[in-house]
Amino acid sequence: MAISDLGRTPLLIGSAAPAAVRRELAATAPAPRADLEHETPQAAFERLKRRLIRLGFDIHDGPLQSLAAAGFGLKDLEQRLPDGEAARILGDIIAELADAERSLRSLAGTLEDGRPEIPLARDILAGELKRFARRSPARVDVHGNWLYHPDSRSQALTIKALLRESLTNVAKHAGAREVVVRLQASPTHVLLEIEDDGRGFEPGLARGSAGAATIGLASMHERVRLLGGDLEILSRAGGPTVVTAAIVRYRQPSRAESYTAPPLGGVA
């Protein structure tokens, strides 16, 4: 039986809650706002924009400050430790906290700014390779067009998430000696590939005991699917493992195309 302390009388949650309490909650629940039923699209956009900006401020003033305080405390502890394995592990933890802080700051900036800066694929890769080097001695070969500029913030975040999840899995499970990352962009698609020569795995082992995909694997598939792409993971016991994502590119029509495009319905 769960109890939620609301600062007054404890409230029993669920079917065990007294009927009188449930009726009181239902009676005091806020009714749908009538003004929202007649809200214009522009007003709805402005309302959502204000909520996102407020969320950005909340992230900055809450979790970011807590992360910064934890980082300062660990940094002080690191300086008190003698050189050795414990100090090295603590240094890696501090670096991970710093990565998390930068990611949150970037997210907060995205929420506060309607047109956030989109990094080059090269810059995304550099950050992920630096993180990977702290976890694995494997050599990484880089091929392709890493000067590619993602079409949108969502595409950039997807490339980053795919690199991070794939390289994290290599560091944690593969025991690889060499990793190859490739990026190619055509007018219609972006192709990202991560290959390692590690121990590999049977495809069924990438799923949980109930047959459901792990959170990391499910997240990779869903991110690519939301961008209209496909994700394929090929592996076998003894390796290699190849992760391939084909992401559909987003391209706004040029000014000339907007003038020459046929009218809706094909009727002049």
Protein backbone atom coordinates (compact mmCIF):
# COMPACT_ATOMS: atom_id res chain seq x y z
CA MET A 1 0.00 0.00 0.00
CA ALA A 2 1.64 3.22 -1.13
CA ILE A 3 1.36 6.39 0.92
CA SER A 4 1.90 9.85 -0.54
CA ASP A 5 2.78 12.54 2.00
CA LEU A 6 1.04 15.71 0.85
CA GLY A 7 1.99 17.66 3.96
CA ARG A 8 -1.44 16.94 5.51
CA THR A 9 -3.27 13.69 6.18
CA PRO A 10 -1.61 10.77 4.36
CA LEU A 11 -3.53 9.84 1.20
CA LEU A 12 -3.88 6.17 0.25
CA ILE A 13 -3.21 5.66 -3.47
CA GLY A 14 -5.08 3.15 -5.63
CA SER A 15 -8.11 1.00 -5.03
CA ALA A 16 -7.48 1.09 -1.27
CA ALA A 17 -8.22 4.83 -1.16
CA PRO A 18 -11.49 5.57 0.66
CA ALA A 19 -14.40 6.27 -1.67
CA ALA A 20 -14.99 9.64 -0.01
CA VAL A 21 -11.41 10.70 -0.77
CA ARG A 22 -11.74 9.63 -4.41
CA ARG A 23 -15.00 11.60 -4.74
CA GLU A 24 -13.35 14.66 -3.22
CA LEU A 25 -10.44 14.45 -5.64
CA ALA A 26 -12.79 14.07 -8.59
CA ALA A 27 -14.83 17.06 -7.46
CA THR A 28 -11.78 19.29 -7.08
CA ALA A 29 -10.03 18.20 -10.29
CA PRO A 30 -9.61 21.13 -12.68
CA ALA A 31 -12.14 21.17 -15.49
CA PRO A 32 -10.96 21.50 -19.11
CA ARG A 33 -10.29 25.13 -19.92
CA ALA A 34 -12.97 26.49 -22.19
CA ASP A 35 -10.62 29.11 -23.60
CA LEU A 36 -8.36 26.39 -25.05
CA GLU A 37 -11.23 25.05 -27.16
CA HIS A 38 -11.21 28.24 -29.23
CA GLU A 39 -7.43 28.75 -29.19
CA THR A 40 -5.88 29.72 -32.52
CA PRO A 41 -2.87 27.77 -33.86
CA GLN A 42 -0.64 30.81 -33.31
CA ALA A 43 -1.79 31.16 -29.70
CA ALA A 44 -1.24 27.42 -29.12
CA PHE A 45 2.27 27.73 -30.56
CA GLU A 46 3.09 30.69 -28.31
CA ARG A 47 1.74 28.86 -25.25
CA LEU A 48 3.83 25.79 -26.03
CA LYS A 49 6.87 27.96 -26.67
CA ARG A 50 6.50 29.61 -23.24
CA ARG A 51 6.24 26.20 -21.59
CA LEU A 52 9.40 24.97 -23.32
CA ILE A 53 11.30 28.10 -22.34
CA ARG A 54 10.17 27.66 -18.74
CA LEU A 55 11.29 24.02 -18.85
CA GLY A 56 14.70 25.17 -20.10
CA PHE A 57 15.00 27.53 -17.13
CA ASP A 58 13.91 24.75 -14.75
CA ILE A 59 16.62 22.43 -16.11
CA HIS A 60 19.22 25.16 -15.74
CA ASP A 61 18.22 26.07 -12.19
CA GLY A 62 17.64 22.51 -10.98
CA PRO A 63 19.48 19.42 -12.34
CA LEU A 64 22.33 21.47 -13.83
CA GLN A 65 23.13 23.10 -10.50
CA SER A 66 23.01 19.71 -8.75
CA LEU A 67 25.37 18.21 -11.32
CA ALA A 68 27.77 21.12 -10.96
CA ALA A 69 27.80 20.77 -7.16
CA ALA A 70 28.43 17.01 -7.41
CA GLY A 71 31.24 17.64 -9.89
CA PHE A 72 32.95 20.16 -7.61
CA GLY A 73 32.73 17.74 -4.68
CA LEU A 74 34.20 14.85 -6.67
CA LYS A 75 36.93 17.07 -8.07
CA ASP A 76 37.93 18.03 -4.53
CA LEU A 77 37.99 14.34 -3.57
CA GLU A 78 40.12 13.51 -6.62
CA GLN A 79 42.77 16.00 -5.52
CA ARG A 80 42.98 14.32 -2.11
CA LEU A 81 43.48 10.81 -3.50
CA PRO A 82 46.95 9.44 -4.27
CA ASP A 83 47.66 8.46 -7.84
CA GLY A 84 46.38 5.00 -8.64
CA GLU A 85 43.44 3.00 -9.93
CA ALA A 86 40.89 4.66 -7.63
CA ALA A 87 41.96 8.12 -8.78
CA ARG A 88 41.74 7.07 -12.42
CA ILE A 89 38.23 5.66 -11.99
CA LEU A 90 37.15 8.80 -10.16
CA GLY A 91 38.56 10.90 -12.99
CA ASP A 92 36.45 8.93 -15.49
CA ILE A 93 33.34 9.50 -13.37
CA ILE A 94 34.05 13.24 -13.25
CA ALA A 95 34.44 13.28 -17.03
CA GLU A 96 31.10 11.49 -17.45
CA LEU A 97 29.43 14.04 -15.16
CA ALA A 98 30.94 16.84 -17.24
CA ASP A 99 29.52 15.23 -20.42
CA ALA A 100 26.10 14.99 -18.78
CA GLU A 101 26.28 18.62 -17.73
CA ARG A 102 27.19 19.75 -21.25
CA SER A 103 24.34 17.69 -22.71
CA LEU A 104 21.85 19.21 -20.29
CA ARG A 105 23.11 22.71 -21.02
CA SER A 106 22.71 22.04 -24.71
CA LEU A 107 19.18 20.73 -24.13
CA ALA A 108 18.28 23.74 -21.99
CA GLY A 109 19.63 26.06 -24.70
CA THR A 110 17.58 24.22 -27.31
CA LEU A 111 14.41 24.72 -25.27
CA GLU A 112 15.16 28.40 -24.72
CA ASP A 113 16.12 29.10 -28.31
CA GLY A 114 13.69 28.43 -31.13
CA ARG A 115 16.58 28.09 -33.63
CA PRO A 116 19.45 26.33 -31.86
CA GLU A 117 22.83 25.85 -33.50
CA ILE A 118 23.25 22.49 -35.25
CA PRO A 119 26.79 21.04 -34.99
CA LEU A 120 28.71 19.41 -37.81
CA ALA A 121 28.82 15.61 -37.80
CA ARG A 122 32.58 15.93 -37.25
CA ASP A 123 32.04 17.74 -33.95
CA ILE A 124 29.46 15.19 -32.81
CA LEU A 125 31.88 12.36 -33.61
CA ALA A 126 34.81 14.05 -31.83
CA GLY A 127 32.89 14.21 -28.56
CA GLU A 128 31.78 10.59 -28.76
CA LEU A 129 35.27 9.31 -29.66
CA LYS A 130 36.73 11.17 -26.70
CA ARG A 131 34.16 9.51 -24.46
CA PHE A 132 34.84 6.09 -26.03
CA ALA A 133 38.61 6.43 -25.53
CA ARG A 134 38.07 6.64 -21.76
CA ARG A 135 36.35 3.25 -21.83
CA SER A 136 38.11 1.19 -24.49
CA PRO A 137 41.65 0.83 -25.91
CA ALA A 138 40.22 -0.15 -29.32
CA ARG A 139 41.51 1.72 -32.37
CA VAL A 140 38.90 3.71 -34.27
CA ASP A 141 39.14 4.30 -38.03
CA VAL A 142 36.98 7.08 -39.43
CA HIS A 143 35.77 7.14 -43.03
CA GLY A 144 33.30 9.18 -45.04
CA ASN A 145 31.98 12.70 -45.09
CA TRP A 146 32.12 13.90 -41.49
CA LEU A 147 31.94 17.52 -42.61
CA TYR A 148 28.26 16.81 -43.25
CA HIS A 149 25.95 19.34 -41.62
CA PRO A 150 22.78 17.65 -40.29
CA ASP A 151 19.52 18.94 -41.74
CA SER A 152 17.87 19.41 -38.35
CA ARG A 153 18.49 19.32 -34.64
CA SER A 154 16.59 16.02 -34.43
CA GLN A 155 18.85 14.46 -37.05
CA ALA A 156 21.97 15.65 -35.21
CA LEU A 157 20.67 14.22 -31.92
CA THR A 158 19.90 10.91 -33.62
CA ILE A 159 23.41 10.65 -35.08
CA LYS A 160 24.84 11.40 -31.64
CA ALA A 161 22.58 8.87 -29.90
CA LEU A 162 23.42 6.12 -32.42
CA LEU A 163 27.15 6.73 -32.04
CA ARG A 164 26.94 6.81 -28.26
CA GLU A 165 24.83 3.68 -27.86
CA SER A 166 26.85 1.68 -30.39
CA LEU A 167 30.25 2.71 -29.02
CA THR A 168 29.10 2.17 -25.43
CA ASN A 169 28.05 -1.37 -26.33
CA VAL A 170 31.43 -1.97 -27.98
CA ALA A 171 33.27 -0.74 -24.88
CA LYS A 172 31.11 -2.73 -22.45
CA HIS A 173 30.61 -6.02 -24.28
CA ALA A 174 32.62 -6.50 -27.47
CA GLY A 175 36.26 -6.62 -26.40
CA ALA A 176 37.06 -5.22 -29.83
CA ARG A 177 40.50 -4.24 -31.09
CA GLU A 178 39.29 -2.14 -34.01
CA VAL A 179 36.19 -0.09 -34.72
CA VAL A 180 35.26 1.54 -38.03
CA VAL A 181 32.74 4.38 -38.27
CA ARG A 182 31.47 5.59 -41.63
CA LEU A 183 29.15 8.41 -42.66
CA GLN A 184 27.86 9.06 -46.17
CA ALA A 185 25.26 11.58 -47.27
CA SER A 186 23.29 11.63 -50.52
CA PRO A 187 20.56 14.06 -51.56
CA THR A 188 17.97 11.69 -50.09
CA HIS A 189 19.59 9.77 -47.22
CA VAL A 190 22.28 9.80 -44.54
CA LEU A 191 24.01 6.46 -43.97
CA LEU A 192 25.77 5.86 -40.64
CA GLU A 193 27.66 2.61 -40.00
CA ILE A 194 29.55 1.40 -36.93
CA GLU A 195 31.48 -1.87 -37.29
CA ASP A 196 33.63 -3.65 -34.70
CA ASP A 197 35.73 -6.81 -34.72
CA GLY A 198 34.69 -7.85 -31.22
CA ARG A 199 33.19 -11.08 -29.96
CA GLY A 200 29.75 -10.39 -31.45
CA PHE A 201 26.50 -11.89 -30.21
CA GLU A 202 23.52 -13.94 -31.27
CA PRO A 203 20.68 -11.60 -32.27
CA GLY A 204 18.32 -13.14 -29.73
CA LEU A 205 20.67 -12.21 -26.89
CA ALA A 206 20.11 -8.52 -27.59
CA ARG A 207 16.61 -8.96 -26.19
CA GLY A 208 15.44 -9.27 -22.63
CA SER A 209 14.12 -12.37 -20.95
CA ALA A 210 10.58 -11.61 -22.15
CA GLY A 211 11.71 -11.21 -25.74
CA ALA A 212 11.46 -7.42 -25.65
CA ALA A 213 14.27 -5.31 -27.06
CA THR A 214 16.58 -3.70 -24.51
CA ILE A 215 16.00 -0.02 -23.81
CA GLY A 216 19.10 1.04 -25.72
CA LEU A 217 18.25 -1.05 -28.76
CA ALA A 218 14.61 0.03 -28.73
CA SER A 219 15.66 3.68 -28.45
CA MET A 220 17.96 3.37 -31.46
CA HIS A 221 15.24 1.80 -33.60
CA GLU A 222 12.63 4.36 -32.52
CA ARG A 223 14.86 7.40 -33.13
CA VAL A 224 15.63 6.25 -36.67
CA ARG A 225 12.01 5.30 -37.35
CA LEU A 226 10.77 8.74 -36.29
CA LEU A 227 13.02 10.25 -38.94
CA GLY A 228 11.62 7.95 -41.60
CA GLY A 229 14.67 5.68 -41.68
CA ASP A 230 15.70 2.08 -41.05
CA LEU A 231 18.14 0.54 -38.57
CA GLU A 232 19.82 -2.82 -39.12
CA ILE A 233 22.07 -4.66 -36.65
CA LEU A 234 24.01 -7.64 -38.00
CA SER A 235 26.11 -9.84 -35.74
CA ARG A 236 27.05 -13.40 -34.89
CA ALA A 237 28.98 -15.17 -32.18
CA GLY A 238 32.65 -14.41 -32.78
CA GLY A 239 31.89 -11.17 -34.61
CA PRO A 240 31.92 -8.89 -36.39
CA THR A 241 29.01 -6.61 -35.48
CA VAL A 242 27.71 -3.97 -37.90
CA VAL A 243 25.16 -1.30 -37.00
CA THR A 244 23.72 0.51 -40.04
CA ALA A 245 21.26 3.40 -39.95
CA ALA A 246 19.74 4.89 -43.11
CA ILE A 247 18.06 8.20 -42.26
CA VAL A 248 15.84 10.08 -44.67
CA ARG A 249 17.06 13.63 -45.28
CA TYR A 250 14.84 16.60 -44.69
CA ARG A 251 15.12 19.28 -47.36
CA GLN A 252 13.01 22.40 -47.66
CA PRO A 253 12.08 23.30 -51.26
CA SER A 254 14.09 26.09 -52.79
CA ARG A 255 12.44 29.39 -53.72
CA ALA A 256 12.44 28.39 -57.39
CA GLU A 257 10.79 25.05 -56.61
CA SER A 258 8.09 26.76 -54.57
CA TYR A 259 7.16 28.85 -57.60
CA THR A 260 7.20 25.97 -60.08
CA ALA A 261 5.61 23.24 -57.95
CA PRO A 262 2.21 22.08 -59.25
CA PRO A 263 -0.81 23.29 -57.30
CA LEU A 264 -2.55 21.02 -54.83
CA GLY A 265 -4.74 18.50 -56.59
CA GLY A 266 -2.89 19.00 -59.86
CA VAL A 267 -5.41 21.58 -61.09
CA ALA A 268 -4.15 24.91 -62.38
